[in-house]
Amino acid sequence: LTSAVNDGKGVILIGMHMGNWELITAYAKRTGLFMTAATANFPDERINQLMISQRKLENVEIMPRGTGMSSRKLFRCLKNKNILILIIDQDTNVPSIWVPFFGIPAKTPVGAAVFALKTGSNVVSYNVIREKDGTFRLKFEALGIFDRSHSSMEQDIYSVTRKINCHLEQLIRENPKQWAWFHRRWKHRPSAEDLKKMKELEE
């Protein structure tokens, strides 16, 4: 992560609902690194505000998805060479694409791929794993910089999202009991047209 930050291109920090993933804020507090985290909104506004207040730190900005200016502010985070935290392992109501996840077509958010391709920022994953002795192990892995390599942006988005999904699969295999299996990752099912499109992008 330090190497990616020092590269001066901004960092997209990919996480998922694995282990004690929100402890990334404790790391931010300790290091002083400025981070912006894109988060989902809770239906109940009181709970929503409570969660934001608990997550927010002096150097950690919470950016709820779906607000009118959220995308622009997330781009600005990377333009300012800061760290943008994106959690992309769930089936949510955000711009998504159908990509295999453990061999099953899964509705997957495209935000990480779009930001990576449009900004040239470094992509790094993080994982906060609970150890048996009650301590936590924080692991960063560099995924690199993703450049345009296909004739269409849609193909590039699919390719990058596919690579990220494969990486997340490997992290889950390492500690399967600590992933949020109770979430309905494959809640939505693709139509015949969706499957046809996915096959075309795979080729």
N, C-alpha and C. Protein backbone atom coordinates (compact mmCIF):
# COMPACT_ATOMS: atom_id res chain seq x y z
N LEU A 1 0.84 -1.20 0.00
CA LEU A 1 0.00 0.00 0.00
C LEU A 1 0.87 1.25 0.00
N THR A 2 1.93 1.23 0.80
CA THR A 2 2.83 2.38 0.85
C THR A 2 3.43 2.66 -0.52
N SER A 3 3.84 1.61 -1.21
CA SER A 3 4.41 1.76 -2.54
C SER A 3 3.40 2.36 -3.51
N ALA A 4 2.15 1.90 -3.42
CA ALA A 4 1.09 2.41 -4.31
C ALA A 4 0.80 3.87 -4.02
N VAL A 5 0.77 4.24 -2.74
CA VAL A 5 0.54 5.63 -2.36
C VAL A 5 1.66 6.52 -2.86
N ASN A 6 2.89 6.05 -2.69
CA ASN A 6 4.06 6.84 -3.11
C ASN A 6 4.15 6.99 -4.62
N ASP A 7 3.43 6.15 -5.35
CA ASP A 7 3.43 6.23 -6.81
C ASP A 7 2.73 7.51 -7.28
N GLY A 8 1.93 8.09 -6.42
CA GLY A 8 1.32 9.38 -6.70
C GLY A 8 0.22 9.38 -7.73
N LYS A 9 -0.47 8.25 -7.91
CA LYS A 9 -1.55 8.17 -8.90
C LYS A 9 -2.92 7.93 -8.25
N GLY A 10 -2.95 7.94 -6.94
CA GLY A 10 -4.17 7.58 -6.24
C GLY A 10 -4.25 6.08 -6.10
N VAL A 11 -5.03 5.62 -5.12
CA VAL A 11 -5.13 4.18 -4.86
C VAL A 11 -6.60 3.77 -4.72
N ILE A 12 -6.98 2.74 -5.44
CA ILE A 12 -8.29 2.13 -5.27
C ILE A 12 -8.09 0.91 -4.38
N LEU A 13 -8.61 0.98 -3.16
CA LEU A 13 -8.40 -0.07 -2.18
C LEU A 13 -9.64 -0.96 -2.17
N ILE A 14 -9.49 -2.17 -2.70
CA ILE A 14 -10.60 -3.11 -2.85
C ILE A 14 -10.75 -3.97 -1.59
N GLY A 15 -11.95 -3.97 -1.05
CA GLY A 15 -12.22 -4.82 0.10
C GLY A 15 -13.48 -5.63 -0.13
N MET A 16 -13.82 -6.44 0.85
CA MET A 16 -15.07 -7.19 0.78
C MET A 16 -15.52 -7.48 2.20
N HIS A 17 -16.72 -8.03 2.35
CA HIS A 17 -17.27 -8.31 3.67
C HIS A 17 -16.64 -9.60 4.21
N MET A 18 -15.40 -9.44 4.64
CA MET A 18 -14.57 -10.58 5.04
C MET A 18 -13.87 -10.25 6.35
N GLY A 19 -13.95 -11.15 7.33
CA GLY A 19 -13.30 -10.89 8.60
C GLY A 19 -13.83 -9.61 9.22
N ASN A 20 -12.96 -8.83 9.84
CA ASN A 20 -13.34 -7.55 10.43
C ASN A 20 -12.91 -6.43 9.49
N TRP A 21 -13.54 -6.38 8.33
CA TRP A 21 -13.12 -5.51 7.24
C TRP A 21 -13.16 -4.03 7.60
N GLU A 22 -14.04 -3.61 8.52
CA GLU A 22 -14.13 -2.19 8.85
C GLU A 22 -12.96 -1.70 9.71
N LEU A 23 -12.11 -2.62 10.15
CA LEU A 23 -10.94 -2.19 10.92
C LEU A 23 -9.90 -1.48 10.04
N ILE A 24 -10.17 -1.36 8.75
CA ILE A 24 -9.29 -0.57 7.90
C ILE A 24 -9.24 0.87 8.41
N THR A 25 -10.31 1.32 9.08
CA THR A 25 -10.32 2.67 9.63
C THR A 25 -9.31 2.82 10.78
N ALA A 26 -9.10 1.73 11.53
CA ALA A 26 -8.10 1.76 12.60
C ALA A 26 -6.71 1.92 12.00
N TYR A 27 -6.48 1.27 10.86
CA TYR A 27 -5.20 1.40 10.17
C TYR A 27 -5.04 2.83 9.65
N ALA A 28 -6.12 3.40 9.11
CA ALA A 28 -6.06 4.77 8.61
C ALA A 28 -5.73 5.74 9.75
N LYS A 29 -6.34 5.52 10.90
CA LYS A 29 -6.09 6.39 12.05
C LYS A 29 -4.64 6.30 12.50
N ARG A 30 -4.11 5.08 12.50
CA ARG A 30 -2.72 4.88 12.95
C ARG A 30 -1.72 5.50 11.99
N THR A 31 -1.97 5.38 10.69
CA THR A 31 -1.00 5.86 9.70
C THR A 31 -1.22 7.31 9.29
N GLY A 32 -2.44 7.82 9.50
CA GLY A 32 -2.73 9.18 9.08
C GLY A 32 -3.06 9.31 7.60
N LEU A 33 -3.15 8.19 6.89
CA LEU A 33 -3.50 8.23 5.48
C LEU A 33 -4.95 8.67 5.31
N PHE A 34 -5.19 9.55 4.34
CA PHE A 34 -6.55 10.01 4.10
C PHE A 34 -7.26 9.03 3.18
N MET A 35 -8.44 8.58 3.59
CA MET A 35 -9.21 7.61 2.81
C MET A 35 -10.66 8.07 2.67
N THR A 36 -11.25 7.74 1.53
CA THR A 36 -12.67 7.96 1.30
C THR A 36 -13.32 6.61 1.07
N ALA A 37 -14.36 6.29 1.82
CA ALA A 37 -15.03 4.99 1.68
C ALA A 37 -16.42 5.17 1.12
N ALA A 38 -16.71 4.48 0.00
CA ALA A 38 -18.05 4.49 -0.58
C ALA A 38 -18.87 3.44 0.16
N THR A 39 -20.01 3.84 0.71
CA THR A 39 -20.81 2.93 1.52
C THR A 39 -22.26 2.89 1.05
N ALA A 40 -22.95 1.84 1.42
CA ALA A 40 -24.37 1.70 1.09
C ALA A 40 -25.21 2.47 2.11
N ASN A 41 -26.38 2.87 1.69
CA ASN A 41 -27.32 3.54 2.59
C ASN A 41 -28.25 2.52 3.24
N PHE A 42 -28.55 2.72 4.54
CA PHE A 42 -29.54 1.89 5.22
C PHE A 42 -30.91 2.52 5.02
N PRO A 43 -31.95 1.72 4.89
CA PRO A 43 -33.30 2.27 4.68
C PRO A 43 -33.74 3.23 5.78
N ASP A 44 -33.37 2.89 7.02
CA ASP A 44 -33.73 3.74 8.16
C ASP A 44 -32.67 4.84 8.31
N GLU A 45 -33.06 6.09 8.13
CA GLU A 45 -32.11 7.20 8.16
C GLU A 45 -31.42 7.34 9.51
N ARG A 46 -32.09 6.98 10.60
CA ARG A 46 -31.46 7.07 11.92
C ARG A 46 -30.28 6.10 12.02
N ILE A 47 -30.48 4.86 11.53
CA ILE A 47 -29.39 3.88 11.53
C ILE A 47 -28.30 4.33 10.58
N ASN A 48 -28.70 4.90 9.45
CA ASN A 48 -27.74 5.38 8.47
C ASN A 48 -26.80 6.41 9.09
N GLN A 49 -27.34 7.40 9.76
CA GLN A 49 -26.53 8.45 10.38
C GLN A 49 -25.67 7.89 11.51
N LEU A 50 -26.19 6.92 12.25
CA LEU A 50 -25.42 6.29 13.32
C LEU A 50 -24.20 5.58 12.75
N MET A 51 -24.40 4.82 11.67
CA MET A 51 -23.29 4.10 11.04
C MET A 51 -22.24 5.07 10.49
N ILE A 52 -22.69 6.13 9.86
CA ILE A 52 -21.75 7.12 9.32
C ILE A 52 -20.92 7.73 10.44
N SER A 53 -21.57 8.08 11.55
CA SER A 53 -20.85 8.71 12.67
C SER A 53 -19.83 7.76 13.28
N GLN A 54 -20.13 6.45 13.30
CA GLN A 54 -19.19 5.48 13.87
C GLN A 54 -18.02 5.19 12.94
N ARG A 55 -18.26 5.29 11.63
CA ARG A 55 -17.21 4.98 10.66
C ARG A 55 -16.29 6.16 10.38
N LYS A 56 -16.82 7.36 10.51
CA LYS A 56 -16.09 8.56 10.10
C LYS A 56 -14.98 8.91 11.10
N LEU A 57 -13.82 9.28 10.55
CA LEU A 57 -12.71 9.77 11.34
C LEU A 57 -12.23 11.08 10.73
N GLU A 58 -11.29 11.72 11.39
CA GLU A 58 -10.77 12.98 10.86
C GLU A 58 -10.18 12.80 9.47
N ASN A 59 -9.56 11.64 9.25
CA ASN A 59 -8.93 11.39 7.95
C ASN A 59 -9.65 10.28 7.16
N VAL A 60 -10.87 9.93 7.56
CA VAL A 60 -11.68 8.96 6.82
C VAL A 60 -13.03 9.60 6.48
N GLU A 61 -13.25 9.81 5.18
CA GLU A 61 -14.49 10.40 4.70
C GLU A 61 -15.44 9.29 4.28
N ILE A 62 -16.68 9.37 4.72
CA ILE A 62 -17.70 8.40 4.35
C ILE A 62 -18.57 9.01 3.26
N MET A 63 -18.66 8.31 2.13
CA MET A 63 -19.42 8.81 0.99
C MET A 63 -20.55 7.83 0.66
N PRO A 64 -21.77 8.07 1.16
CA PRO A 64 -22.90 7.18 0.85
C PRO A 64 -23.17 7.17 -0.65
N ARG A 65 -23.38 5.98 -1.20
CA ARG A 65 -23.68 5.86 -2.62
C ARG A 65 -25.08 6.39 -2.92
N GLY A 66 -25.26 6.81 -4.17
CA GLY A 66 -26.59 7.22 -4.60
C GLY A 66 -26.89 8.69 -4.44
N THR A 67 -25.98 9.45 -3.81
CA THR A 67 -26.20 10.88 -3.71
C THR A 67 -25.83 11.54 -5.04
N GLY A 68 -26.39 12.69 -5.29
CA GLY A 68 -26.20 13.35 -6.58
C GLY A 68 -24.77 13.62 -6.94
N MET A 69 -23.90 13.89 -5.96
CA MET A 69 -22.52 14.27 -6.22
C MET A 69 -21.53 13.16 -5.88
N SER A 70 -22.01 11.98 -5.49
CA SER A 70 -21.10 10.96 -4.97
C SER A 70 -20.05 10.54 -5.99
N SER A 71 -20.43 10.25 -7.24
CA SER A 71 -19.47 9.79 -8.24
C SER A 71 -18.40 10.84 -8.48
N ARG A 72 -18.81 12.09 -8.59
CA ARG A 72 -17.85 13.16 -8.83
C ARG A 72 -16.87 13.30 -7.67
N LYS A 73 -17.38 13.15 -6.44
CA LYS A 73 -16.51 13.27 -5.27
C LYS A 73 -15.55 12.10 -5.17
N LEU A 74 -15.99 10.91 -5.60
CA LEU A 74 -15.10 9.75 -5.58
C LEU A 74 -13.98 9.92 -6.59
N PHE A 75 -14.30 10.44 -7.77
CA PHE A 75 -13.27 10.73 -8.76
C PHE A 75 -12.29 11.77 -8.21
N ARG A 76 -12.81 12.75 -7.50
CA ARG A 76 -11.95 13.80 -6.96
C ARG A 76 -10.98 13.24 -5.94
N CYS A 77 -11.43 12.23 -5.18
CA CYS A 77 -10.55 11.58 -4.21
C CYS A 77 -9.31 11.04 -4.90
N LEU A 78 -9.50 10.36 -6.04
CA LEU A 78 -8.36 9.79 -6.76
C LEU A 78 -7.54 10.88 -7.46
N LYS A 79 -8.22 11.91 -7.96
CA LYS A 79 -7.52 13.03 -8.60
C LYS A 79 -6.59 13.70 -7.60
N ASN A 80 -7.00 13.72 -6.32
CA ASN A 80 -6.18 14.31 -5.26
C ASN A 80 -5.13 13.34 -4.73
N LYS A 81 -4.99 12.18 -5.39
CA LYS A 81 -3.97 11.16 -5.05
C LYS A 81 -4.22 10.51 -3.70
N ASN A 82 -5.48 10.43 -3.30
CA ASN A 82 -5.82 9.80 -2.04
C ASN A 82 -6.26 8.35 -2.25
N ILE A 83 -6.78 7.73 -1.19
CA ILE A 83 -7.17 6.32 -1.22
C ILE A 83 -8.69 6.22 -1.22
N LEU A 84 -9.21 5.49 -2.19
CA LEU A 84 -10.66 5.26 -2.31
C LEU A 84 -10.95 3.81 -1.97
N ILE A 85 -11.78 3.59 -0.94
CA ILE A 85 -12.14 2.23 -0.52
C ILE A 85 -13.45 1.83 -1.19
N LEU A 86 -13.43 0.70 -1.90
CA LEU A 86 -14.62 0.17 -2.55
C LEU A 86 -14.82 -1.28 -2.12
N ILE A 87 -16.03 -1.61 -1.70
CA ILE A 87 -16.38 -2.98 -1.31
C ILE A 87 -17.30 -3.52 -2.40
N ILE A 88 -16.85 -4.54 -3.14
CA ILE A 88 -17.59 -4.92 -4.35
C ILE A 88 -18.01 -6.40 -4.38
N ASP A 89 -18.20 -7.00 -3.23
CA ASP A 89 -18.50 -8.44 -3.22
C ASP A 89 -19.97 -8.74 -2.99
N GLN A 90 -20.86 -7.75 -3.20
CA GLN A 90 -22.27 -8.00 -2.96
C GLN A 90 -23.13 -7.61 -4.17
N ASP A 91 -24.32 -8.18 -4.19
CA ASP A 91 -25.31 -7.91 -5.24
C ASP A 91 -26.14 -6.72 -4.76
N THR A 92 -25.82 -5.52 -5.28
CA THR A 92 -26.48 -4.31 -4.81
C THR A 92 -27.04 -3.51 -5.99
N ASN A 93 -27.82 -2.51 -5.67
CA ASN A 93 -28.45 -1.69 -6.71
C ASN A 93 -27.56 -0.53 -7.13
N VAL A 94 -26.43 -0.88 -7.73
CA VAL A 94 -25.50 0.09 -8.29
C VAL A 94 -25.17 -0.38 -9.71
N PRO A 95 -24.59 0.48 -10.56
CA PRO A 95 -24.21 0.04 -11.90
C PRO A 95 -23.36 -1.23 -11.83
N SER A 96 -23.79 -2.28 -12.50
CA SER A 96 -23.15 -3.59 -12.38
C SER A 96 -23.05 -4.28 -13.73
N ILE A 97 -22.30 -5.37 -13.74
CA ILE A 97 -22.14 -6.19 -14.93
C ILE A 97 -22.16 -7.65 -14.50
N TRP A 98 -22.59 -8.52 -15.40
CA TRP A 98 -22.61 -9.95 -15.06
C TRP A 98 -21.23 -10.56 -15.31
N VAL A 99 -20.64 -11.09 -14.22
CA VAL A 99 -19.30 -11.67 -14.27
C VAL A 99 -19.30 -12.93 -13.40
N PRO A 100 -18.64 -14.00 -13.83
CA PRO A 100 -18.61 -15.21 -12.99
C PRO A 100 -17.98 -14.95 -11.63
N PHE A 101 -18.56 -15.56 -10.61
CA PHE A 101 -18.00 -15.54 -9.26
C PHE A 101 -18.17 -16.94 -8.71
N PHE A 102 -17.07 -17.63 -8.49
CA PHE A 102 -17.09 -19.05 -8.15
C PHE A 102 -17.86 -19.84 -9.21
N GLY A 103 -17.68 -19.45 -10.46
CA GLY A 103 -18.27 -20.19 -11.58
C GLY A 103 -19.74 -19.91 -11.84
N ILE A 104 -20.34 -19.01 -11.05
CA ILE A 104 -21.76 -18.70 -11.21
C ILE A 104 -21.89 -17.22 -11.62
N PRO A 105 -22.65 -16.92 -12.66
CA PRO A 105 -22.83 -15.52 -13.07
C PRO A 105 -23.33 -14.68 -11.89
N ALA A 106 -22.62 -13.60 -11.60
CA ALA A 106 -22.96 -12.76 -10.45
C ALA A 106 -23.02 -11.30 -10.87
N LYS A 107 -24.05 -10.62 -10.42
CA LYS A 107 -24.19 -9.19 -10.67
C LYS A 107 -23.12 -8.48 -9.84
N THR A 108 -22.15 -7.87 -10.53
CA THR A 108 -20.98 -7.32 -9.85
C THR A 108 -20.82 -5.83 -10.13
N PRO A 109 -20.65 -5.00 -9.09
CA PRO A 109 -20.47 -3.56 -9.29
C PRO A 109 -19.28 -3.26 -10.21
N VAL A 110 -19.44 -2.28 -11.08
CA VAL A 110 -18.40 -1.92 -12.05
C VAL A 110 -17.54 -0.75 -11.59
N GLY A 111 -17.89 -0.15 -10.45
CA GLY A 111 -17.20 1.06 -10.01
C GLY A 111 -15.68 0.93 -9.97
N ALA A 112 -15.17 -0.16 -9.39
CA ALA A 112 -13.72 -0.33 -9.26
C ALA A 112 -13.05 -0.34 -10.63
N ALA A 113 -13.62 -1.09 -11.57
CA ALA A 113 -13.04 -1.18 -12.92
C ALA A 113 -13.09 0.17 -13.64
N VAL A 114 -14.23 0.85 -13.53
CA VAL A 114 -14.39 2.14 -14.21
C VAL A 114 -13.40 3.17 -13.67
N PHE A 115 -13.30 3.27 -12.35
CA PHE A 115 -12.36 4.21 -11.76
C PHE A 115 -10.92 3.87 -12.14
N ALA A 116 -10.59 2.58 -12.11
CA ALA A 116 -9.22 2.15 -12.43
C ALA A 116 -8.86 2.50 -13.88
N LEU A 117 -9.77 2.23 -14.79
CA LEU A 117 -9.50 2.46 -16.21
C LEU A 117 -9.47 3.95 -16.55
N LYS A 118 -10.30 4.74 -15.89
CA LYS A 118 -10.38 6.16 -16.23
C LYS A 118 -9.34 7.03 -15.53
N THR A 119 -8.80 6.55 -14.40
CA THR A 119 -7.85 7.38 -13.65
C THR A 119 -6.41 6.87 -13.69
N GLY A 120 -6.21 5.58 -14.01
CA GLY A 120 -4.86 5.03 -13.98
C GLY A 120 -4.33 4.83 -12.58
N SER A 121 -5.23 4.81 -11.60
CA SER A 121 -4.82 4.62 -10.20
C SER A 121 -4.38 3.18 -9.94
N ASN A 122 -3.53 3.02 -8.95
CA ASN A 122 -3.13 1.68 -8.52
C ASN A 122 -4.30 0.99 -7.83
N VAL A 123 -4.43 -0.31 -8.07
CA VAL A 123 -5.48 -1.10 -7.41
C VAL A 123 -4.81 -2.03 -6.41
N VAL A 124 -5.26 -1.97 -5.17
CA VAL A 124 -4.71 -2.78 -4.09
C VAL A 124 -5.89 -3.41 -3.34
N SER A 125 -5.75 -4.65 -2.92
CA SER A 125 -6.79 -5.27 -2.10
C SER A 125 -6.33 -5.31 -0.65
N TYR A 126 -7.31 -5.37 0.26
CA TYR A 126 -6.97 -5.53 1.67
C TYR A 126 -7.90 -6.54 2.30
N ASN A 127 -7.41 -7.17 3.35
CA ASN A 127 -8.17 -8.20 4.05
C ASN A 127 -7.80 -8.14 5.53
N VAL A 128 -8.79 -8.05 6.40
CA VAL A 128 -8.55 -8.03 7.85
C VAL A 128 -9.06 -9.34 8.43
N ILE A 129 -8.15 -10.23 8.77
CA ILE A 129 -8.51 -11.58 9.20
C ILE A 129 -8.38 -11.72 10.71
N ARG A 130 -9.40 -12.30 11.33
CA ARG A 130 -9.36 -12.60 12.76
C ARG A 130 -8.50 -13.83 13.01
N GLU A 131 -7.55 -13.71 13.92
CA GLU A 131 -6.72 -14.84 14.29
C GLU A 131 -7.29 -15.54 15.53
N LYS A 132 -6.86 -16.75 15.78
CA LYS A 132 -7.40 -17.53 16.89
C LYS A 132 -7.09 -16.91 18.25
N ASP A 133 -5.99 -16.13 18.34
CA ASP A 133 -5.62 -15.54 19.63
C ASP A 133 -6.29 -14.19 19.87
N GLY A 134 -7.23 -13.82 19.00
CA GLY A 134 -7.95 -12.58 19.20
C GLY A 134 -7.32 -11.36 18.54
N THR A 135 -6.19 -11.55 17.89
CA THR A 135 -5.56 -10.45 17.16
C THR A 135 -6.07 -10.43 15.72
N PHE A 136 -5.66 -9.42 14.97
CA PHE A 136 -6.09 -9.27 13.59
C PHE A 136 -4.88 -9.15 12.68
N ARG A 137 -4.98 -9.76 11.52
CA ARG A 137 -3.90 -9.68 10.53
C ARG A 137 -4.42 -8.93 9.31
N LEU A 138 -3.76 -7.82 9.00
CA LEU A 138 -4.15 -7.00 7.85
C LEU A 138 -3.20 -7.27 6.70
N LYS A 139 -3.76 -7.71 5.58
CA LYS A 139 -2.95 -8.10 4.43
C LYS A 139 -3.31 -7.25 3.22
N PHE A 140 -2.30 -6.62 2.61
CA PHE A 140 -2.50 -5.87 1.38
C PHE A 140 -1.88 -6.65 0.22
N GLU A 141 -2.52 -6.58 -0.93
CA GLU A 141 -1.95 -7.20 -2.13
C GLU A 141 -2.14 -6.25 -3.31
N ALA A 142 -1.07 -6.05 -4.08
CA ALA A 142 -1.13 -5.15 -5.23
C ALA A 142 -1.68 -5.88 -6.45
N LEU A 143 -2.70 -5.29 -7.06
CA LEU A 143 -3.25 -5.84 -8.30
C LEU A 143 -2.71 -5.07 -9.51
N GLY A 144 -2.12 -3.90 -9.25
CA GLY A 144 -1.48 -3.15 -10.32
C GLY A 144 -2.34 -2.06 -10.93
N ILE A 145 -1.92 -1.60 -12.09
CA ILE A 145 -2.63 -0.57 -12.84
C ILE A 145 -3.26 -1.23 -14.07
N PHE A 146 -4.50 -0.93 -14.35
CA PHE A 146 -5.21 -1.53 -15.48
C PHE A 146 -5.36 -0.51 -16.60
N ASP A 147 -4.81 -0.83 -17.77
CA ASP A 147 -4.90 0.03 -18.94
C ASP A 147 -5.95 -0.49 -19.91
N ARG A 148 -6.41 0.39 -20.78
CA ARG A 148 -7.32 -0.02 -21.84
C ARG A 148 -6.61 -1.00 -22.76
N SER A 149 -7.27 -2.12 -23.07
CA SER A 149 -6.64 -3.14 -23.92
C SER A 149 -7.60 -3.76 -24.92
N HIS A 150 -8.87 -3.32 -24.90
CA HIS A 150 -9.86 -3.86 -25.84
C HIS A 150 -10.43 -2.73 -26.70
N SER A 151 -11.17 -3.12 -27.71
CA SER A 151 -11.73 -2.13 -28.62
C SER A 151 -12.87 -1.33 -28.00
N SER A 152 -13.52 -1.89 -26.99
CA SER A 152 -14.63 -1.18 -26.34
C SER A 152 -14.38 -1.07 -24.84
N MET A 153 -14.92 0.00 -24.25
CA MET A 153 -14.80 0.21 -22.81
C MET A 153 -15.52 -0.90 -22.06
N GLU A 154 -16.63 -1.37 -22.60
CA GLU A 154 -17.40 -2.43 -21.96
C GLU A 154 -16.56 -3.69 -21.81
N GLN A 155 -15.79 -4.03 -22.83
CA GLN A 155 -14.93 -5.21 -22.75
C GLN A 155 -13.84 -5.04 -21.70
N ASP A 156 -13.28 -3.82 -21.63
CA ASP A 156 -12.25 -3.55 -20.63
C ASP A 156 -12.83 -3.65 -19.21
N ILE A 157 -14.03 -3.11 -19.03
CA ILE A 157 -14.68 -3.16 -17.71
C ILE A 157 -14.93 -4.61 -17.31
N TYR A 158 -15.40 -5.41 -18.25
CA TYR A 158 -15.63 -6.82 -17.96
C TYR A 158 -14.32 -7.52 -17.58
N SER A 159 -13.27 -7.28 -18.36
CA SER A 159 -11.99 -7.93 -18.13
C SER A 159 -11.41 -7.59 -16.76
N VAL A 160 -11.44 -6.31 -16.39
CA VAL A 160 -10.89 -5.89 -15.10
C VAL A 160 -11.74 -6.43 -13.95
N THR A 161 -13.06 -6.36 -14.10
CA THR A 161 -13.95 -6.88 -13.05
C THR A 161 -13.76 -8.38 -12.88
N ARG A 162 -13.56 -9.08 -13.98
CA ARG A 162 -13.32 -10.53 -13.93
C ARG A 162 -12.04 -10.83 -13.15
N LYS A 163 -10.98 -10.06 -13.40
CA LYS A 163 -9.72 -10.28 -12.69
C LYS A 163 -9.87 -10.00 -11.20
N ILE A 164 -10.61 -8.95 -10.87
CA ILE A 164 -10.83 -8.64 -9.45
C ILE A 164 -11.65 -9.74 -8.78
N ASN A 165 -12.69 -10.22 -9.45
CA ASN A 165 -13.50 -11.30 -8.88
C ASN A 165 -12.66 -12.55 -8.62
N CYS A 166 -11.78 -12.89 -9.57
CA CYS A 166 -10.90 -14.06 -9.39
C CYS A 166 -10.01 -13.88 -8.17
N HIS A 167 -9.53 -12.66 -7.99
CA HIS A 167 -8.68 -12.37 -6.83
C HIS A 167 -9.47 -12.52 -5.53
N LEU A 168 -10.70 -12.00 -5.50
CA LEU A 168 -11.52 -12.11 -4.30
C LEU A 168 -11.87 -13.57 -4.00
N GLU A 169 -12.10 -14.35 -5.03
CA GLU A 169 -12.36 -15.78 -4.84
C GLU A 169 -11.21 -16.44 -4.09
N GLN A 170 -9.99 -16.11 -4.49
CA GLN A 170 -8.81 -16.70 -3.86
C GLN A 170 -8.72 -16.30 -2.39
N LEU A 171 -9.03 -15.04 -2.08
CA LEU A 171 -9.00 -14.59 -0.69
C LEU A 171 -10.05 -15.33 0.15
N ILE A 172 -11.20 -15.57 -0.43
CA ILE A 172 -12.26 -16.30 0.29
C ILE A 172 -11.85 -17.74 0.52
N ARG A 173 -11.21 -18.35 -0.47
CA ARG A 173 -10.76 -19.74 -0.32
C ARG A 173 -9.75 -19.89 0.82
N GLU A 174 -8.98 -18.84 1.07
CA GLU A 174 -7.97 -18.89 2.13
C GLU A 174 -8.62 -18.87 3.51
N ASN A 175 -9.75 -18.17 3.66
CA ASN A 175 -10.45 -18.09 4.95
C ASN A 175 -11.96 -18.11 4.73
N PRO A 176 -12.50 -19.22 4.23
CA PRO A 176 -13.91 -19.26 3.84
C PRO A 176 -14.89 -18.96 4.98
N LYS A 177 -14.54 -19.31 6.21
CA LYS A 177 -15.46 -19.11 7.32
C LYS A 177 -15.65 -17.64 7.68
N GLN A 178 -14.76 -16.78 7.19
CA GLN A 178 -14.84 -15.37 7.57
C GLN A 178 -15.50 -14.48 6.52
N TRP A 179 -15.98 -15.08 5.44
CA TRP A 179 -16.71 -14.29 4.44
C TRP A 179 -18.20 -14.29 4.79
N ALA A 180 -18.91 -13.21 4.45
CA ALA A 180 -20.33 -13.07 4.78
C ALA A 180 -21.20 -13.91 3.85
N TRP A 181 -21.18 -15.21 4.06
CA TRP A 181 -21.95 -16.12 3.21
C TRP A 181 -23.45 -15.90 3.33
N PHE A 182 -23.89 -15.31 4.43
CA PHE A 182 -25.33 -15.11 4.63
C PHE A 182 -25.90 -14.08 3.65
N HIS A 183 -25.03 -13.25 3.07
CA HIS A 183 -25.54 -12.32 2.06
C HIS A 183 -25.87 -13.09 0.78
N ARG A 184 -26.94 -12.71 0.14
CA ARG A 184 -27.37 -13.41 -1.09
C ARG A 184 -26.57 -12.88 -2.27
N ARG A 185 -25.35 -13.41 -2.42
CA ARG A 185 -24.44 -12.91 -3.46
C ARG A 185 -25.01 -13.11 -4.86
N TRP A 186 -25.78 -14.16 -5.05
CA TRP A 186 -26.36 -14.45 -6.36
C TRP A 186 -27.88 -14.21 -6.34
N LYS A 187 -28.27 -13.14 -5.65
CA LYS A 187 -29.69 -12.82 -5.45
C LYS A 187 -30.41 -12.66 -6.79
N HIS A 188 -29.85 -11.86 -7.68
CA HIS A 188 -30.44 -11.68 -9.01
C HIS A 188 -29.93 -12.76 -9.95
N ARG A 189 -30.77 -13.19 -10.86
CA ARG A 189 -30.39 -14.21 -11.82
C ARG A 189 -30.37 -13.59 -13.21
N PRO A 190 -29.37 -13.92 -14.01
CA PRO A 190 -29.26 -13.32 -15.33
C PRO A 190 -30.29 -13.86 -16.31
N SER A 191 -30.72 -13.02 -17.23
CA SER A 191 -31.62 -13.46 -18.29
C SER A 191 -30.80 -14.15 -19.37
N ALA A 192 -31.48 -14.75 -20.35
CA ALA A 192 -30.78 -15.39 -21.46
C ALA A 192 -29.93 -14.36 -22.21
N GLU A 193 -30.45 -13.14 -22.32
CA GLU A 193 -29.73 -12.06 -22.99
C GLU A 193 -28.48 -11.67 -22.19
N ASP A 194 -28.60 -11.64 -20.87
CA ASP A 194 -27.45 -11.33 -20.01
C ASP A 194 -26.34 -12.37 -20.18
N LEU A 195 -26.73 -13.64 -20.22
CA LEU A 195 -25.75 -14.72 -20.37
C LEU A 195 -25.07 -14.66 -21.74
N LYS A 196 -25.86 -14.33 -22.75
CA LYS A 196 -25.29 -14.19 -24.10
C LYS A 196 -24.27 -13.07 -24.13
N LYS A 197 -24.60 -11.94 -23.50
CA LYS A 197 -23.70 -10.80 -23.45
C LYS A 197 -22.43 -11.14 -22.71
N MET A 198 -22.56 -11.85 -21.59
CA MET A 198 -21.40 -12.23 -20.79
C MET A 198 -20.47 -13.13 -21.59
N LYS A 199 -21.04 -14.06 -22.35
CA LYS A 199 -20.23 -14.96 -23.17
C LYS A 199 -19.48 -14.19 -24.25
N GLU A 200 -20.16 -13.19 -24.83
CA GLU A 200 -19.51 -12.37 -25.87
C GLU A 200 -18.33 -11.58 -25.29
N LEU A 201 -18.50 -11.04 -24.09
CA LEU A 201 -17.44 -10.26 -23.46
C LEU A 201 -16.29 -11.15 -23.01
N GLU A 202 -16.59 -12.41 -22.74
CA GLU A 202 -15.56 -13.36 -22.29
C GLU A 202 -14.63 -13.72 -23.43
N GLU A 203 -15.12 -13.67 -24.65
CA GLU A 203 -14.31 -14.10 -25.81
C GLU A 203 -13.29 -13.07 -26.20
